[in-house]
Amino acid sequence: MTINKELLEILACPKCKGDLTLTTEENGLDCTACKLRYPIRDNIPVMLIEEAETLES
């Protein structure tokens, strides 16, 4: 199961309120402005800043 497109359109980065993009593996949501990846666990996006991973440059 993947993230619903309507849900993806309304989700925003909790840190900068910017747009998020779904990873190609569909296991996370990336914020390019903050360089953070929010994980998706059991088809639920975990939108907590402390749970986010830093993206590599």
PDB file of N, CA and C in Angstrom:
ATOM      1  N   MET A   1       0.841  -1.175   0.000  1.00  0.00           N
ATOM      2  CA  MET A   1       0.000   0.000   0.000  1.00  0.00           C
ATOM      3  C   MET A   1       0.890   1.243   0.000  1.00  0.00           C
ATOM      4  N   THR A   2       0.524   2.235  -0.781  1.00  0.00           N
ATOM      5  CA  THR A   2       1.300   3.465  -0.850  1.00  0.00           C
ATOM      6  C   THR A   2       0.527   4.614  -0.214  1.00  0.00           C
ATOM      7  N   ILE A   3       1.217   5.709  -0.045  1.00  0.00           N
ATOM      8  CA  ILE A   3       0.597   6.901   0.518  1.00  0.00           C
ATOM      9  C   ILE A   3      -0.413   7.461  -0.483  1.00  0.00           C
ATOM     10  N   ASN A   4      -1.585   7.796   0.003  1.00  0.00           N
ATOM     11  CA  ASN A   4      -2.626   8.399  -0.819  1.00  0.00           C
ATOM     12  C   ASN A   4      -2.128   9.735  -1.363  1.00  0.00           C
ATOM     13  N   LYS A   5      -2.343   9.990  -2.667  1.00  0.00           N
ATOM     14  CA  LYS A   5      -1.875  11.227  -3.288  1.00  0.00           C
ATOM     15  C   LYS A   5      -2.500  12.458  -2.635  1.00  0.00           C
ATOM     16  N   GLU A   6      -3.746  12.372  -2.228  1.00  0.00           N
ATOM     17  CA  GLU A   6      -4.408  13.501  -1.574  1.00  0.00           C
ATOM     18  C   GLU A   6      -3.739  13.810  -0.231  1.00  0.00           C
ATOM     19  N   LEU A   7      -3.357  12.773   0.506  1.00  0.00           N
ATOM     20  CA  LEU A   7      -2.660  12.965   1.769  1.00  0.00           C
ATOM     21  C   LEU A   7      -1.298  13.598   1.531  1.00  0.00           C
ATOM     22  N   LEU A   8      -0.581  13.120   0.534  1.00  0.00           N
ATOM     23  CA  LEU A   8       0.739  13.650   0.221  1.00  0.00           C
ATOM     24  C   LEU A   8       0.669  15.131  -0.134  1.00  0.00           C
ATOM     25  N   GLU A   9      -0.396  15.551  -0.807  1.00  0.00           N
ATOM     26  CA  GLU A   9      -0.551  16.953  -1.202  1.00  0.00           C
ATOM     27  C   GLU A   9      -0.744  17.881   0.002  1.00  0.00           C
ATOM     28  N   ILE A  10      -1.339  17.387   1.086  1.00  0.00           N
ATOM     29  CA  ILE A  10      -1.601  18.267   2.232  1.00  0.00           C
ATOM     30  C   ILE A  10      -0.523  18.182   3.313  1.00  0.00           C
ATOM     31  N   LEU A  11       0.323  17.155   3.264  1.00  0.00           N
ATOM     32  CA  LEU A  11       1.393  17.044   4.251  1.00  0.00           C
ATOM     33  C   LEU A  11       2.469  18.082   3.988  1.00  0.00           C
ATOM     34  N   ALA A  12       3.029  18.619   5.060  1.00  0.00           N
ATOM     35  CA  ALA A  12       4.115  19.591   4.954  1.00  0.00           C
ATOM     36  C   ALA A  12       5.169  19.250   5.994  1.00  0.00           C
ATOM     37  N   CYS A  13       6.368  19.687   5.738  1.00  0.00           N
ATOM     38  CA  CYS A  13       7.463  19.478   6.677  1.00  0.00           C
ATOM     39  C   CYS A  13       7.125  20.185   7.989  1.00  0.00           C
ATOM     40  N   PRO A  14       7.188  19.479   9.114  1.00  0.00           N
ATOM     41  CA  PRO A  14       6.865  20.117  10.391  1.00  0.00           C
ATOM     42  C   PRO A  14       7.888  21.176  10.816  1.00  0.00           C
ATOM     43  N   LYS A  15       9.084  21.138  10.246  1.00  0.00           N
ATOM     44  CA  LYS A  15      10.117  22.098  10.624  1.00  0.00           C
ATOM     45  C   LYS A  15       9.997  23.409   9.844  1.00  0.00           C
ATOM     46  N   CYS A  16       9.890  23.322   8.496  1.00  0.00           N
ATOM     47  CA  CYS A  16       9.879  24.533   7.677  1.00  0.00           C
ATOM     48  C   CYS A  16       8.546  24.773   6.963  1.00  0.00           C
ATOM     49  N   LYS A  17       7.630  23.834   7.083  1.00  0.00           N
ATOM     50  CA  LYS A  17       6.309  23.892   6.427  1.00  0.00           C
ATOM     51  C   LYS A  17       6.401  23.790   4.905  1.00  0.00           C
ATOM     52  N   GLY A  18       7.541  23.294   4.411  1.00  0.00           N
ATOM     53  CA  GLY A  18       7.743  23.133   2.973  1.00  0.00           C
ATOM     54  C   GLY A  18       7.129  21.847   2.446  1.00  0.00           C
ATOM     55  N   ASP A  19       7.198  21.696   1.118  1.00  0.00           N
ATOM     56  CA  ASP A  19       6.658  20.516   0.449  1.00  0.00           C
ATOM     57  C   ASP A  19       7.518  19.288   0.723  1.00  0.00           C
ATOM     58  N   LEU A  20       6.861  18.139   0.699  1.00  0.00           N
ATOM     59  CA  LEU A  20       7.528  16.854   0.881  1.00  0.00           C
ATOM     60  C   LEU A  20       7.377  16.024  -0.386  1.00  0.00           C
ATOM     61  N   THR A  21       8.377  15.209  -0.670  1.00  0.00           N
ATOM     62  CA  THR A  21       8.303  14.300  -1.804  1.00  0.00           C
ATOM     63  C   THR A  21       8.497  12.869  -1.308  1.00  0.00           C
ATOM     64  N   LEU A  22       7.766  11.966  -1.906  1.00  0.00           N
ATOM     65  CA  LEU A  22       7.842  10.550  -1.562  1.00  0.00           C
ATOM     66  C   LEU A  22       9.127   9.962  -2.132  1.00  0.00           C
ATOM     67  N   THR A  23       9.840   9.179  -1.337  1.00  0.00           N
ATOM     68  CA  THR A  23      11.064   8.538  -1.815  1.00  0.00           C
ATOM     69  C   THR A  23      10.712   7.494  -2.870  1.00  0.00           C
ATOM     70  N   THR A  24      11.690   7.133  -3.690  1.00  0.00           N
ATOM     71  CA  THR A  24      11.438   6.154  -4.746  1.00  0.00           C
ATOM     72  C   THR A  24      11.077   4.787  -4.163  1.00  0.00           C
ATOM     73  N   GLU A  25      11.606   4.482  -2.970  1.00  0.00           N
ATOM     74  CA  GLU A  25      11.281   3.213  -2.318  1.00  0.00           C
ATOM     75  C   GLU A  25       9.953   3.289  -1.563  1.00  0.00           C
ATOM     76  N   GLU A  26       9.367   4.500  -1.503  1.00  0.00           N
ATOM     77  CA  GLU A  26       8.110   4.764  -0.804  1.00  0.00           C
ATOM     78  C   GLU A  26       8.185   4.410   0.680  1.00  0.00           C
ATOM     79  N   ASN A  27       9.380   4.643   1.262  1.00  0.00           N
ATOM     80  CA  ASN A  27       9.560   4.361   2.687  1.00  0.00           C
ATOM     81  C   ASN A  27       9.831   5.628   3.499  1.00  0.00           C
ATOM     82  N   GLY A  28       9.698   6.780   2.851  1.00  0.00           N
ATOM     83  CA  GLY A  28       9.932   8.032   3.543  1.00  0.00           C
ATOM     84  C   GLY A  28       9.468   9.232   2.736  1.00  0.00           C
ATOM     85  N   LEU A  29       9.424  10.375   3.403  1.00  0.00           N
ATOM     86  CA  LEU A  29       9.071  11.647   2.788  1.00  0.00           C
ATOM     87  C   LEU A  29      10.243  12.593   2.978  1.00  0.00           C
ATOM     88  N   ASP A  30      10.717  13.169   1.874  1.00  0.00           N
ATOM     89  CA  ASP A  30      11.886  14.036   1.915  1.00  0.00           C
ATOM     90  C   ASP A  30      11.502  15.507   1.859  1.00  0.00           C
ATOM     91  N   CYS A  31      12.197  16.299   2.672  1.00  0.00           N
ATOM     92  CA  CYS A  31      12.113  17.751   2.604  1.00  0.00           C
ATOM     93  C   CYS A  31      13.465  18.222   2.089  1.00  0.00           C
ATOM     94  N   THR A  32      13.497  18.750   0.873  1.00  0.00           N
ATOM     95  CA  THR A  32      14.775  19.183   0.300  1.00  0.00           C
ATOM     96  C   THR A  32      15.266  20.475   0.942  1.00  0.00           C
ATOM     97  N   ALA A  33      14.370  21.308   1.444  1.00  0.00           N
ATOM     98  CA  ALA A  33      14.774  22.564   2.084  1.00  0.00           C
ATOM     99  C   ALA A  33      15.530  22.294   3.389  1.00  0.00           C
ATOM    100  N   CYS A  34      15.007  21.402   4.205  1.00  0.00           N
ATOM    101  CA  CYS A  34      15.633  21.085   5.504  1.00  0.00           C
ATOM    102  C   CYS A  34      16.640  19.944   5.413  1.00  0.00           C
ATOM    103  N   LYS A  35      16.625  19.240   4.278  1.00  0.00           N
ATOM    104  CA  LYS A  35      17.453  18.048   4.083  1.00  0.00           C
ATOM    105  C   LYS A  35      17.169  16.988   5.148  1.00  0.00           C
ATOM    106  N   LEU A  36      15.853  16.741   5.337  1.00  0.00           N
ATOM    107  CA  LEU A  36      15.396  15.728   6.286  1.00  0.00           C
ATOM    108  C   LEU A  36      14.514  14.709   5.580  1.00  0.00           C
ATOM    109  N   ARG A  37      14.549  13.481   6.090  1.00  0.00           N
ATOM    110  CA  ARG A  37      13.662  12.413   5.604  1.00  0.00           C
ATOM    111  C   ARG A  37      12.833  11.921   6.772  1.00  0.00           C
ATOM    112  N   TYR A  38      11.517  11.999   6.600  1.00  0.00           N
ATOM    113  CA  TYR A  38      10.580  11.501   7.603  1.00  0.00           C
ATOM    114  C   TYR A  38      10.178  10.082   7.206  1.00  0.00           C
ATOM    115  N   PRO A  39      10.341   9.119   8.115  1.00  0.00           N
ATOM    116  CA  PRO A  39      10.059   7.723   7.768  1.00  0.00           C
ATOM    117  C   PRO A  39       8.560   7.444   7.645  1.00  0.00           C
ATOM    118  N   ILE A  40       8.260   6.403   6.890  1.00  0.00           N
ATOM    119  CA  ILE A  40       6.893   5.880   6.806  1.00  0.00           C
ATOM    120  C   ILE A  40       6.944   4.488   7.417  1.00  0.00           C
ATOM    121  N   ARG A  41       6.196   4.296   8.489  1.00  0.00           N
ATOM    122  CA  ARG A  41       6.164   3.002   9.181  1.00  0.00           C
ATOM    123  C   ARG A  41       4.743   2.470   9.185  1.00  0.00           C
ATOM    124  N   ASP A  42       4.587   1.238   8.745  1.00  0.00           N
ATOM    125  CA  ASP A  42       3.263   0.617   8.666  1.00  0.00           C
ATOM    126  C   ASP A  42       2.289   1.502   7.901  1.00  0.00           C
ATOM    127  N   ASN A  43       2.780   2.091   6.788  1.00  0.00           N
ATOM    128  CA  ASN A  43       1.996   2.961   5.900  1.00  0.00           C
ATOM    129  C   ASN A  43       1.532   4.249   6.564  1.00  0.00           C
ATOM    130  N   ILE A  44       2.187   4.655   7.655  1.00  0.00           N
ATOM    131  CA  ILE A  44       1.848   5.887   8.363  1.00  0.00           C
ATOM    132  C   ILE A  44       3.087   6.781   8.405  1.00  0.00           C
ATOM    133  N   PRO A  45       2.999   8.003   7.857  1.00  0.00           N
ATOM    134  CA  PRO A  45       4.137   8.920   7.932  1.00  0.00           C
ATOM    135  C   PRO A  45       4.389   9.358   9.381  1.00  0.00           C
ATOM    136  N   VAL A  46       5.644   9.261   9.804  1.00  0.00           N
ATOM    137  CA  VAL A  46       6.032   9.695  11.152  1.00  0.00           C
ATOM    138  C   VAL A  46       6.557  11.120  11.008  1.00  0.00           C
ATOM    139  N   MET A  47       5.726  12.101  11.342  1.00  0.00           N
ATOM    140  CA  MET A  47       6.032  13.508  11.091  1.00  0.00           C
ATOM    141  C   MET A  47       6.574  14.204  12.336  1.00  0.00           C
ATOM    142  N   LEU A  48       7.526  13.573  12.981  1.00  0.00           N
ATOM    143  CA  LEU A  48       8.174  14.136  14.163  1.00  0.00           C
ATOM    144  C   LEU A  48       9.599  14.520  13.790  1.00  0.00           C
ATOM    145  N   ILE A  49       9.982  15.755  14.079  1.00  0.00           N
ATOM    146  CA  ILE A  49      11.317  16.231  13.717  1.00  0.00           C
ATOM    147  C   ILE A  49      12.399  15.349  14.336  1.00  0.00           C
ATOM    148  N   GLU A  50      12.192  14.920  15.578  1.00  0.00           N
ATOM    149  CA  GLU A  50      13.209  14.090  16.241  1.00  0.00           C
ATOM    150  C   GLU A  50      13.323  12.684  15.645  1.00  0.00           C
ATOM    151  N   GLU A  51      12.350  12.261  14.857  1.00  0.00           N
ATOM    152  CA  GLU A  51      12.392  10.950  14.192  1.00  0.00           C
ATOM    153  C   GLU A  51      12.979  11.032  12.782  1.00  0.00           C
ATOM    154  N   ALA A  52      13.158  12.248  12.268  1.00  0.00           N
ATOM    155  CA  ALA A  52      13.647  12.444  10.908  1.00  0.00           C
ATOM    156  C   ALA A  52      15.142  12.112  10.813  1.00  0.00           C
ATOM    157  N   GLU A  53      15.531  11.677   9.628  1.00  0.00           N
ATOM    158  CA  GLU A  53      16.937  11.392   9.338  1.00  0.00           C
ATOM    159  C   GLU A  53      17.479  12.493   8.450  1.00  0.00           C
ATOM    160  N   THR A  54      18.744  12.829   8.618  1.00  0.00           N
ATOM    161  CA  THR A  54      19.381  13.845   7.778  1.00  0.00           C
ATOM    162  C   THR A  54      19.715  13.231   6.431  1.00  0.00           C
ATOM    163  N   LEU A  55      19.385  13.958   5.355  1.00  0.00           N
ATOM    164  CA  LEU A  55      19.706  13.505   4.008  1.00  0.00           C
ATOM    165  C   LEU A  55      21.171  13.790   3.701  1.00  0.00           C
ATOM    166  N   GLU A  56      21.795  12.886   2.987  1.00  0.00           N
ATOM    167  CA  GLU A  56      23.186  13.077   2.582  1.00  0.00           C
ATOM    168  C   GLU A  56      23.231  14.073   1.430  1.00  0.00           C
ATOM    169  N   SER A  57      24.270  14.860   1.378  1.00  0.00           N
ATOM    170  CA  SER A  57      24.410  15.863   0.302  1.00  0.00           C
ATOM    171  C   SER A  57      24.748  15.203  -1.012  1.00  0.00           C
TER     172      SER A  57
END
